[in-house]
Amino acid sequence: MEMAWLEDFGALIRVGNFSRAASERCVTQPAFSRRIRALEEWLDVELVDRSTHKMTLTPAGERFSVIAETVLRDIEHGRREVQEIAGTSASTIKML
């Protein structure tokens, strides 16, 4: 599983369209679709109902959207937290 897949899935949910989401993520639409498919294969569930013209999430996709958002938010929060710790440690070391 790659974090980019979660970011792709988030973009797809935000814009509601594979082509626009691919453009937002700076990849081709076929590559973007493959990345969403790779996430689905990793999860072993379909996240997107491809039987309709309009992009619709499956029930599993609806649930996973909340999980993906939480994971991405937690990772970004953790990143900022450790950067603050590293900055504090670096300034403490420099002052000694």
PDB file of N, CA and C in Angstrom:
ATOM      1  N   MET A   1       0.834  -1.169   0.000  1.00  0.00           N
ATOM      2  CA  MET A   1       0.000   0.000   0.000  1.00  0.00           C
ATOM      3  C   MET A   1       0.883   1.238   0.000  1.00  0.00           C
ATOM      4  N   GLU A   2       0.496   2.209  -0.797  1.00  0.00           N
ATOM      5  CA  GLU A   2       1.255   3.452  -0.881  1.00  0.00           C
ATOM      6  C   GLU A   2       0.398   4.617  -0.403  1.00  0.00           C
ATOM      7  N   MET A   3       1.017   5.553   0.288  1.00  0.00           N
ATOM      8  CA  MET A   3       0.284   6.714   0.764  1.00  0.00           C
ATOM      9  C   MET A   3      -0.322   7.493  -0.406  1.00  0.00           C
ATOM     10  N   ALA A   4       0.354   7.497  -1.538  1.00  0.00           N
ATOM     11  CA  ALA A   4      -0.169   8.197  -2.717  1.00  0.00           C
ATOM     12  C   ALA A   4      -1.534   7.659  -3.119  1.00  0.00           C
ATOM     13  N   TRP A   5      -1.776   6.374  -2.900  1.00  0.00           N
ATOM     14  CA  TRP A   5      -3.080   5.797  -3.238  1.00  0.00           C
ATOM     15  C   TRP A   5      -4.169   6.428  -2.383  1.00  0.00           C
ATOM     16  N   LEU A   6      -3.881   6.664  -1.108  1.00  0.00           N
ATOM     17  CA  LEU A   6      -4.853   7.305  -0.231  1.00  0.00           C
ATOM     18  C   LEU A   6      -5.095   8.746  -0.666  1.00  0.00           C
ATOM     19  N   GLU A   7      -4.023   9.430  -1.048  1.00  0.00           N
ATOM     20  CA  GLU A   7      -4.152  10.800  -1.536  1.00  0.00           C
ATOM     21  C   GLU A   7      -4.955  10.831  -2.840  1.00  0.00           C
ATOM     22  N   ASP A   8      -4.722   9.859  -3.704  1.00  0.00           N
ATOM     23  CA  ASP A   8      -5.497   9.750  -4.948  1.00  0.00           C
ATOM     24  C   ASP A   8      -6.974   9.540  -4.644  1.00  0.00           C
ATOM     25  N   PHE A   9      -7.256   8.636  -3.731  1.00  0.00           N
ATOM     26  CA  PHE A   9      -8.630   8.336  -3.367  1.00  0.00           C
ATOM     27  C   PHE A   9      -9.303   9.587  -2.801  1.00  0.00           C
ATOM     28  N   GLY A  10      -8.594  10.321  -1.983  1.00  0.00           N
ATOM     29  CA  GLY A  10      -9.122  11.578  -1.446  1.00  0.00           C
ATOM     30  C   GLY A  10      -9.424  12.583  -2.541  1.00  0.00           C
ATOM     31  N   ALA A  11      -8.534  12.685  -3.519  1.00  0.00           N
ATOM     32  CA  ALA A  11      -8.760  13.599  -4.646  1.00  0.00           C
ATOM     33  C   ALA A  11      -9.994  13.176  -5.441  1.00  0.00           C
ATOM     34  N   LEU A  12     -10.140  11.886  -5.652  1.00  0.00           N
ATOM     35  CA  LEU A  12     -11.295  11.375  -6.386  1.00  0.00           C
ATOM     36  C   LEU A  12     -12.594  11.728  -5.664  1.00  0.00           C
ATOM     37  N   ILE A  13     -12.609  11.579  -4.369  1.00  0.00           N
ATOM     38  CA  ILE A  13     -13.790  11.914  -3.589  1.00  0.00           C
ATOM     39  C   ILE A  13     -14.070  13.414  -3.661  1.00  0.00           C
ATOM     40  N   ARG A  14     -13.026  14.218  -3.529  1.00  0.00           N
ATOM     41  CA  ARG A  14     -13.162  15.674  -3.533  1.00  0.00           C
ATOM     42  C   ARG A  14     -13.749  16.201  -4.839  1.00  0.00           C
ATOM     43  N   VAL A  15     -13.213  15.712  -5.968  1.00  0.00           N
ATOM     44  CA  VAL A  15     -13.642  16.277  -7.254  1.00  0.00           C
ATOM     45  C   VAL A  15     -14.733  15.458  -7.930  1.00  0.00           C
ATOM     46  N   GLY A  16     -14.880  14.187  -7.528  1.00  0.00           N
ATOM     47  CA  GLY A  16     -15.973  13.372  -8.035  1.00  0.00           C
ATOM     48  C   GLY A  16     -15.839  12.903  -9.466  1.00  0.00           C
ATOM     49  N   ASN A  17     -14.615  12.910  -9.981  1.00  0.00           N
ATOM     50  CA  ASN A  17     -14.410  12.558 -11.376  1.00  0.00           C
ATOM     51  C   ASN A  17     -12.973  12.062 -11.561  1.00  0.00           C
ATOM     52  N   PHE A  18     -12.818  10.937 -12.256  1.00  0.00           N
ATOM     53  CA  PHE A  18     -11.485  10.355 -12.450  1.00  0.00           C
ATOM     54  C   PHE A  18     -10.560  11.295 -13.218  1.00  0.00           C
ATOM     55  N   SER A  19     -11.048  11.893 -14.291  1.00  0.00           N
ATOM     56  CA  SER A  19     -10.182  12.754 -15.115  1.00  0.00           C
ATOM     57  C   SER A  19      -9.720  13.985 -14.358  1.00  0.00           C
ATOM     58  N   ARG A  20     -10.638  14.650 -13.679  1.00  0.00           N
ATOM     59  CA  ARG A  20     -10.256  15.856 -12.927  1.00  0.00           C
ATOM     60  C   ARG A  20      -9.349  15.505 -11.747  1.00  0.00           C
ATOM     61  N   ALA A  21      -9.624  14.378 -11.102  1.00  0.00           N
ATOM     62  CA  ALA A  21      -8.768  13.956  -9.985  1.00  0.00           C
ATOM     63  C   ALA A  21      -7.362  13.635 -10.495  1.00  0.00           C
ATOM     64  N   ALA A  22      -7.280  12.974 -11.643  1.00  0.00           N
ATOM     65  CA  ALA A  22      -5.967  12.663 -12.228  1.00  0.00           C
ATOM     66  C   ALA A  22      -5.208  13.948 -12.533  1.00  0.00           C
ATOM     67  N   SER A  23      -5.911  14.922 -13.085  1.00  0.00           N
ATOM     68  CA  SER A  23      -5.281  16.204 -13.398  1.00  0.00           C
ATOM     69  C   SER A  23      -4.785  16.884 -12.121  1.00  0.00           C
ATOM     70  N   GLU A  24      -5.600  16.854 -11.077  1.00  0.00           N
ATOM     71  CA  GLU A  24      -5.206  17.439  -9.795  1.00  0.00           C
ATOM     72  C   GLU A  24      -3.961  16.761  -9.236  1.00  0.00           C
ATOM     73  N   ARG A  25      -3.844  15.451  -9.447  1.00  0.00           N
ATOM     74  CA  ARG A  25      -2.717  14.676  -8.927  1.00  0.00           C
ATOM     75  C   ARG A  25      -1.534  14.634  -9.908  1.00  0.00           C
ATOM     76  N   CYS A  26      -1.677  15.333 -11.045  1.00  0.00           N
ATOM     77  CA  CYS A  26      -0.600  15.451 -12.045  1.00  0.00           C
ATOM     78  C   CYS A  26      -0.184  14.095 -12.618  1.00  0.00           C
ATOM     79  N   VAL A  27      -1.169  13.266 -12.904  1.00  0.00           N
ATOM     80  CA  VAL A  27      -0.927  11.986 -13.573  1.00  0.00           C
ATOM     81  C   VAL A  27      -1.972  11.836 -14.679  1.00  0.00           C
ATOM     82  N   THR A  28      -1.705  10.927 -15.593  1.00  0.00           N
ATOM     83  CA  THR A  28      -2.688  10.662 -16.638  1.00  0.00           C
ATOM     84  C   THR A  28      -3.887   9.945 -16.031  1.00  0.00           C
ATOM     85  N   GLN A  29      -5.020  10.044 -16.713  1.00  0.00           N
ATOM     86  CA  GLN A  29      -6.219   9.378 -16.214  1.00  0.00           C
ATOM     87  C   GLN A  29      -6.042   7.865 -16.155  1.00  0.00           C
ATOM     88  N   PRO A  30      -5.426   7.222 -17.180  1.00  0.00           N
ATOM     89  CA  PRO A  30      -5.213   5.768 -17.068  1.00  0.00           C
ATOM     90  C   PRO A  30      -4.318   5.391 -15.882  1.00  0.00           C
ATOM     91  N   ALA A  31      -3.268   6.174 -15.638  1.00  0.00           N
ATOM     92  CA  ALA A  31      -2.385   5.885 -14.501  1.00  0.00           C
ATOM     93  C   ALA A  31      -3.135   6.084 -13.189  1.00  0.00           C
ATOM     94  N   PHE A  32      -3.935   7.130 -13.119  1.00  0.00           N
ATOM     95  CA  PHE A  32      -4.724   7.390 -11.916  1.00  0.00           C
ATOM     96  C   PHE A  32      -5.685   6.233 -11.660  1.00  0.00           C
ATOM     97  N   SER A  33      -6.363   5.783 -12.700  1.00  0.00           N
ATOM     98  CA  SER A  33      -7.304   4.660 -12.569  1.00  0.00           C
ATOM     99  C   SER A  33      -6.592   3.401 -12.087  1.00  0.00           C
ATOM    100  N   ARG A  34      -5.375   3.175 -12.594  1.00  0.00           N
ATOM    101  CA  ARG A  34      -4.606   2.007 -12.146  1.00  0.00           C
ATOM    102  C   ARG A  34      -4.261   2.117 -10.669  1.00  0.00           C
ATOM    103  N   ARG A  35      -3.965   3.320 -10.207  1.00  0.00           N
ATOM    104  CA  ARG A  35      -3.618   3.502  -8.803  1.00  0.00           C
ATOM    105  C   ARG A  35      -4.838   3.275  -7.898  1.00  0.00           C
ATOM    106  N   ILE A  36      -6.004   3.725  -8.331  1.00  0.00           N
ATOM    107  CA  ILE A  36      -7.220   3.456  -7.561  1.00  0.00           C
ATOM    108  C   ILE A  36      -7.500   1.959  -7.562  1.00  0.00           C
ATOM    109  N   ARG A  37      -7.309   1.331  -8.711  1.00  0.00           N
ATOM    110  CA  ARG A  37      -7.514  -0.124  -8.808  1.00  0.00           C
ATOM    111  C   ARG A  37      -6.516  -0.856  -7.905  1.00  0.00           C
ATOM    112  N   ALA A  38      -5.278  -0.385  -7.842  1.00  0.00           N
ATOM    113  CA  ALA A  38      -4.269  -1.010  -6.975  1.00  0.00           C
ATOM    114  C   ALA A  38      -4.684  -0.909  -5.507  1.00  0.00           C
ATOM    115  N   LEU A  39      -5.248   0.235  -5.115  1.00  0.00           N
ATOM    116  CA  LEU A  39      -5.741   0.388  -3.739  1.00  0.00           C
ATOM    117  C   LEU A  39      -6.872  -0.605  -3.484  1.00  0.00           C
ATOM    118  N   GLU A  40      -7.771  -0.731  -4.445  1.00  0.00           N
ATOM    119  CA  GLU A  40      -8.874  -1.684  -4.298  1.00  0.00           C
ATOM    120  C   GLU A  40      -8.356  -3.117  -4.205  1.00  0.00           C
ATOM    121  N   GLU A  41      -7.368  -3.436  -4.996  1.00  0.00           N
ATOM    122  CA  GLU A  41      -6.795  -4.790  -4.940  1.00  0.00           C
ATOM    123  C   GLU A  41      -6.115  -5.036  -3.608  1.00  0.00           C
ATOM    124  N   TRP A  42      -5.414  -4.034  -3.096  1.00  0.00           N
ATOM    125  CA  TRP A  42      -4.754  -4.184  -1.800  1.00  0.00           C
ATOM    126  C   TRP A  42      -5.788  -4.405  -0.698  1.00  0.00           C
ATOM    127  N   LEU A  43      -6.896  -3.664  -0.782  1.00  0.00           N
ATOM    128  CA  LEU A  43      -7.967  -3.808   0.211  1.00  0.00           C
ATOM    129  C   LEU A  43      -8.827  -5.045  -0.033  1.00  0.00           C
ATOM    130  N   ASP A  44      -8.796  -5.546  -1.260  1.00  0.00           N
ATOM    131  CA  ASP A  44      -9.625  -6.674  -1.691  1.00  0.00           C
ATOM    132  C   ASP A  44     -11.119  -6.334  -1.657  1.00  0.00           C
ATOM    133  N   VAL A  45     -11.429  -5.069  -1.986  1.00  0.00           N
ATOM    134  CA  VAL A  45     -12.812  -4.605  -2.112  1.00  0.00           C
ATOM    135  C   VAL A  45     -12.892  -3.562  -3.221  1.00  0.00           C
ATOM    136  N   GLU A  46     -14.076  -3.396  -3.794  1.00  0.00           N
ATOM    137  CA  GLU A  46     -14.298  -2.306  -4.740  1.00  0.00           C
ATOM    138  C   GLU A  46     -14.700  -1.066  -3.955  1.00  0.00           C
ATOM    139  N   LEU A  47     -14.040   0.029  -4.232  1.00  0.00           N
ATOM    140  CA  LEU A  47     -14.342   1.288  -3.572  1.00  0.00           C
ATOM    141  C   LEU A  47     -15.270   2.153  -4.413  1.00  0.00           C
ATOM    142  N   VAL A  48     -15.177   1.978  -5.732  1.00  0.00           N
ATOM    143  CA  VAL A  48     -15.922   2.813  -6.664  1.00  0.00           C
ATOM    144  C   VAL A  48     -16.859   1.936  -7.484  1.00  0.00           C
ATOM    145  N   ASP A  49     -18.108   2.362  -7.590  1.00  0.00           N
ATOM    146  CA  ASP A  49     -19.088   1.664  -8.431  1.00  0.00           C
ATOM    147  C   ASP A  49     -18.881   2.143  -9.858  1.00  0.00           C
ATOM    148  N   ARG A  50     -18.325   1.288 -10.673  1.00  0.00           N
ATOM    149  CA  ARG A  50     -18.010   1.654 -12.049  1.00  0.00           C
ATOM    150  C   ARG A  50     -19.155   1.334 -13.017  1.00  0.00           C
ATOM    151  N   SER A  51     -20.289   0.891 -12.496  1.00  0.00           N
ATOM    152  CA  SER A  51     -21.416   0.547 -13.371  1.00  0.00           C
ATOM    153  C   SER A  51     -22.259   1.769 -13.725  1.00  0.00           C
ATOM    154  N   THR A  52     -21.981   2.903 -13.096  1.00  0.00           N
ATOM    155  CA  THR A  52     -22.729   4.119 -13.384  1.00  0.00           C
ATOM    156  C   THR A  52     -21.810   5.140 -14.041  1.00  0.00           C
ATOM    157  N   HIS A  53     -22.413   6.069 -14.772  1.00  0.00           N
ATOM    158  CA  HIS A  53     -21.618   7.114 -15.437  1.00  0.00           C
ATOM    159  C   HIS A  53     -21.045   8.090 -14.413  1.00  0.00           C
ATOM    160  N   LYS A  54     -21.839   8.423 -13.411  1.00  0.00           N
ATOM    161  CA  LYS A  54     -21.390   9.325 -12.361  1.00  0.00           C
ATOM    162  C   LYS A  54     -20.559   8.539 -11.345  1.00  0.00           C
ATOM    163  N   MET A  55     -19.479   9.140 -10.867  1.00  0.00           N
ATOM    164  CA  MET A  55     -18.624   8.476  -9.888  1.00  0.00           C
ATOM    165  C   MET A  55     -19.409   8.306  -8.584  1.00  0.00           C
ATOM    166  N   THR A  56     -19.550   7.060  -8.167  1.00  0.00           N
ATOM    167  CA  THR A  56     -20.257   6.735  -6.935  1.00  0.00           C
ATOM    168  C   THR A  56     -19.420   5.753  -6.129  1.00  0.00           C
ATOM    169  N   LEU A  57     -19.315   6.008  -4.835  1.00  0.00           N
ATOM    170  CA  LEU A  57     -18.593   5.086  -3.964  1.00  0.00           C
ATOM    171  C   LEU A  57     -19.507   3.929  -3.579  1.00  0.00           C
ATOM    172  N   THR A  58     -18.903   2.773  -3.418  1.00  0.00           N
ATOM    173  CA  THR A  58     -19.616   1.618  -2.873  1.00  0.00           C
ATOM    174  C   THR A  58     -19.763   1.848  -1.363  1.00  0.00           C
ATOM    175  N   PRO A  59     -20.562   1.047  -0.688  1.00  0.00           N
ATOM    176  CA  PRO A  59     -20.611   1.173   0.781  1.00  0.00           C
ATOM    177  C   PRO A  59     -19.223   1.013   1.413  1.00  0.00           C
ATOM    178  N   ALA A  60     -18.423   0.096   0.889  1.00  0.00           N
ATOM    179  CA  ALA A  60     -17.050  -0.064   1.397  1.00  0.00           C
ATOM    180  C   ALA A  60     -16.232   1.194   1.113  1.00  0.00           C
ATOM    181  N   GLY A  61     -16.439   1.795  -0.050  1.00  0.00           N
ATOM    182  CA  GLY A  61     -15.747   3.034  -0.400  1.00  0.00           C
ATOM    183  C   GLY A  61     -16.132   4.181   0.507  1.00  0.00           C
ATOM    184  N   GLU A  62     -17.426   4.254   0.848  1.00  0.00           N
ATOM    185  CA  GLU A  62     -17.892   5.289   1.783  1.00  0.00           C
ATOM    186  C   GLU A  62     -17.186   5.144   3.126  1.00  0.00           C
ATOM    187  N   ARG A  63     -17.132   3.927   3.629  1.00  0.00           N
ATOM    188  CA  ARG A  63     -16.490   3.694   4.929  1.00  0.00           C
ATOM    189  C   ARG A  63     -14.994   3.958   4.851  1.00  0.00           C
ATOM    190  N   PHE A  64     -14.360   3.479   3.765  1.00  0.00           N
ATOM    191  CA  PHE A  64     -12.912   3.649   3.655  1.00  0.00           C
ATOM    192  C   PHE A  64     -12.542   5.112   3.466  1.00  0.00           C
ATOM    193  N   SER A  65     -13.432   5.915   2.909  1.00  0.00           N
ATOM    194  CA  SER A  65     -13.127   7.338   2.737  1.00  0.00           C
ATOM    195  C   SER A  65     -12.863   7.995   4.091  1.00  0.00           C
ATOM    196  N   VAL A  66     -13.617   7.607   5.105  1.00  0.00           N
ATOM    197  CA  VAL A  66     -13.417   8.140   6.461  1.00  0.00           C
ATOM    198  C   VAL A  66     -12.081   7.650   7.019  1.00  0.00           C
ATOM    199  N   ILE A  67     -11.787   6.387   6.802  1.00  0.00           N
ATOM    200  CA  ILE A  67     -10.535   5.806   7.293  1.00  0.00           C
ATOM    201  C   ILE A  67      -9.347   6.469   6.617  1.00  0.00           C
ATOM    202  N   ALA A  68      -9.404   6.621   5.291  1.00  0.00           N
ATOM    203  CA  ALA A  68      -8.298   7.225   4.539  1.00  0.00           C
ATOM    204  C   ALA A  68      -8.062   8.664   4.984  1.00  0.00           C
ATOM    205  N   GLU A  69      -9.138   9.408   5.178  1.00  0.00           N
ATOM    206  CA  GLU A  69      -9.008  10.791   5.629  1.00  0.00           C
ATOM    207  C   GLU A  69      -8.345  10.860   7.002  1.00  0.00           C
ATOM    208  N   THR A  70      -8.747   9.965   7.887  1.00  0.00           N
ATOM    209  CA  THR A  70      -8.167   9.928   9.234  1.00  0.00           C
ATOM    210  C   THR A  70      -6.687   9.581   9.180  1.00  0.00           C
ATOM    211  N   VAL A  71      -6.337   8.588   8.391  1.00  0.00           N
ATOM    212  CA  VAL A  71      -4.935   8.174   8.269  1.00  0.00           C
ATOM    213  C   VAL A  71      -4.086   9.322   7.732  1.00  0.00           C
ATOM    214  N   LEU A  72      -4.546   9.971   6.667  1.00  0.00           N
ATOM    215  CA  LEU A  72      -3.773  11.075   6.084  1.00  0.00           C
ATOM    216  C   LEU A  72      -3.636  12.241   7.062  1.00  0.00           C
ATOM    217  N   ARG A  73      -4.709  12.553   7.779  1.00  0.00           N
ATOM    218  CA  ARG A  73      -4.658  13.630   8.767  1.00  0.00           C
ATOM    219  C   ARG A  73      -3.691  13.280   9.894  1.00  0.00           C
ATOM    220  N   ASP A  74      -3.742  12.021  10.367  1.00  0.00           N
ATOM    221  CA  ASP A  74      -2.851  11.589  11.445  1.00  0.00           C
ATOM    222  C   ASP A  74      -1.390  11.594  11.012  1.00  0.00           C
ATOM    223  N   ILE A  75      -1.143  11.185   9.794  1.00  0.00           N
ATOM    224  CA  ILE A  75       0.233  11.195   9.292  1.00  0.00           C
ATOM    225  C   ILE A  75       0.759  12.624   9.208  1.00  0.00           C
ATOM    226  N   GLU A  76      -0.058  13.547   8.692  1.00  0.00           N
ATOM    227  CA  GLU A  76       0.382  14.941   8.597  1.00  0.00           C
ATOM    228  C   GLU A  76       0.585  15.541   9.987  1.00  0.00           C
ATOM    229  N   HIS A  77      -0.295  15.230  10.908  1.00  0.00           N
ATOM    230  CA  HIS A  77      -0.141  15.707  12.286  1.00  0.00           C
ATOM    231  C   HIS A  77       1.153  15.153  12.894  1.00  0.00           C
ATOM    232  N   GLY A  78       1.400  13.864  12.698  1.00  0.00           N
ATOM    233  CA  GLY A  78       2.620  13.245  13.216  1.00  0.00           C
ATOM    234  C   GLY A  78       3.868  13.845  12.606  1.00  0.00           C
ATOM    235  N   ARG A  79       3.794  14.152  11.327  1.00  0.00           N
ATOM    236  CA  ARG A  79       4.938  14.770  10.632  1.00  0.00           C
ATOM    237  C   ARG A  79       5.273  16.115  11.256  1.00  0.00           C
ATOM    238  N   ARG A  80       4.239  16.940  11.450  1.00  0.00           N
ATOM    239  CA  ARG A  80       4.474  18.258  12.060  1.00  0.00           C
ATOM    240  C   ARG A  80       4.995  18.125  13.490  1.00  0.00           C
ATOM    241  N   GLU A  81       4.456  17.163  14.216  1.00  0.00           N
ATOM    242  CA  GLU A  81       4.866  16.958  15.599  1.00  0.00           C
ATOM    243  C   GLU A  81       6.343  16.586  15.695  1.00  0.00           C
ATOM    244  N   VAL A  82       6.795  15.647  14.873  1.00  0.00           N
ATOM    245  CA  VAL A  82       8.205  15.246  14.956  1.00  0.00           C
ATOM    246  C   VAL A  82       9.120  16.336  14.425  1.00  0.00           C
ATOM    247  N   GLN A  83       8.639  17.138  13.474  1.00  0.00           N
ATOM    248  CA  GLN A  83       9.448  18.265  13.013  1.00  0.00           C
ATOM    249  C   GLN A  83       9.643  19.284  14.128  1.00  0.00           C
ATOM    250  N   GLU A  84       8.573  19.507  14.897  1.00  0.00           N
ATOM    251  CA  GLU A  84       8.688  20.416  16.041  1.00  0.00           C
ATOM    252  C   GLU A  84       9.663  19.872  17.070  1.00  0.00           C
ATOM    253  N   ILE A  85       9.584  18.579  17.331  1.00  0.00           N
ATOM    254  CA  ILE A  85      10.500  17.947  18.281  1.00  0.00           C
ATOM    255  C   ILE A  85      11.937  18.073  17.785  1.00  0.00           C
ATOM    256  N   ALA A  86      12.140  17.794  16.518  1.00  0.00           N
ATOM    257  CA  ALA A  86      13.490  17.893  15.945  1.00  0.00           C
ATOM    258  C   ALA A  86      13.993  19.327  15.998  1.00  0.00           C
ATOM    259  N   GLY A  87      13.119  20.283  15.734  1.00  0.00           N
ATOM    260  CA  GLY A  87      13.514  21.690  15.807  1.00  0.00           C
ATOM    261  C   GLY A  87      13.871  22.102  17.218  1.00  0.00           C
ATOM    262  N   THR A  88      13.111  21.636  18.178  1.00  0.00           N
ATOM    263  CA  THR A  88      13.393  21.918  19.590  1.00  0.00           C
ATOM    264  C   THR A  88      14.702  21.270  20.001  1.00  0.00           C
ATOM    265  N   SER A  89      14.899  20.026  19.607  1.00  0.00           N
ATOM    266  CA  SER A  89      16.133  19.324  19.954  1.00  0.00           C
ATOM    267  C   SER A  89      17.329  19.995  19.300  1.00  0.00           C
ATOM    268  N   ALA A  90      17.178  20.413  18.050  1.00  0.00           N
ATOM    269  CA  ALA A  90      18.288  21.052  17.344  1.00  0.00           C
ATOM    270  C   ALA A  90      18.654  22.372  18.017  1.00  0.00           C
ATOM    271  N   SER A  91      17.656  23.161  18.417  1.00  0.00           N
ATOM    272  CA  SER A  91      17.969  24.453  19.064  1.00  0.00           C
ATOM    273  C   SER A  91      18.544  24.219  20.462  1.00  0.00           C
ATOM    274  N   THR A  92      18.125  23.182  21.145  1.00  0.00           N
ATOM    275  CA  THR A  92      18.676  22.860  22.458  1.00  0.00           C
ATOM    276  C   THR A  92      20.139  22.466  22.326  1.00  0.00           C
ATOM    277  N   ILE A  93      20.449  21.668  21.351  1.00  0.00           N
ATOM    278  CA  ILE A  93      21.827  21.219  21.136  1.00  0.00           C
ATOM    279  C   ILE A  93      22.701  22.414  20.755  1.00  0.00           C
ATOM    280  N   LYS A  94      22.205  23.291  19.901  1.00  0.00           N
ATOM    281  CA  LYS A  94      22.990  24.446  19.472  1.00  0.00           C
ATOM    282  C   LYS A  94      23.295  25.396  20.637  1.00  0.00           C
ATOM    283  N   MET A  95      22.384  25.461  21.597  1.00  0.00           N
ATOM    284  CA  MET A  95      22.570  26.378  22.720  1.00  0.00           C
ATOM    285  C   MET A  95      23.583  25.851  23.722  1.00  0.00           C
ATOM    286  N   LEU A  96      23.827  24.571  23.723  1.00  0.00           N
ATOM    287  CA  LEU A  96      24.778  24.008  24.692  1.00  0.00           C
ATOM    288  C   LEU A  96      26.163  24.275  24.305  1.00  0.00           C
TER     289      LEU A  96
END
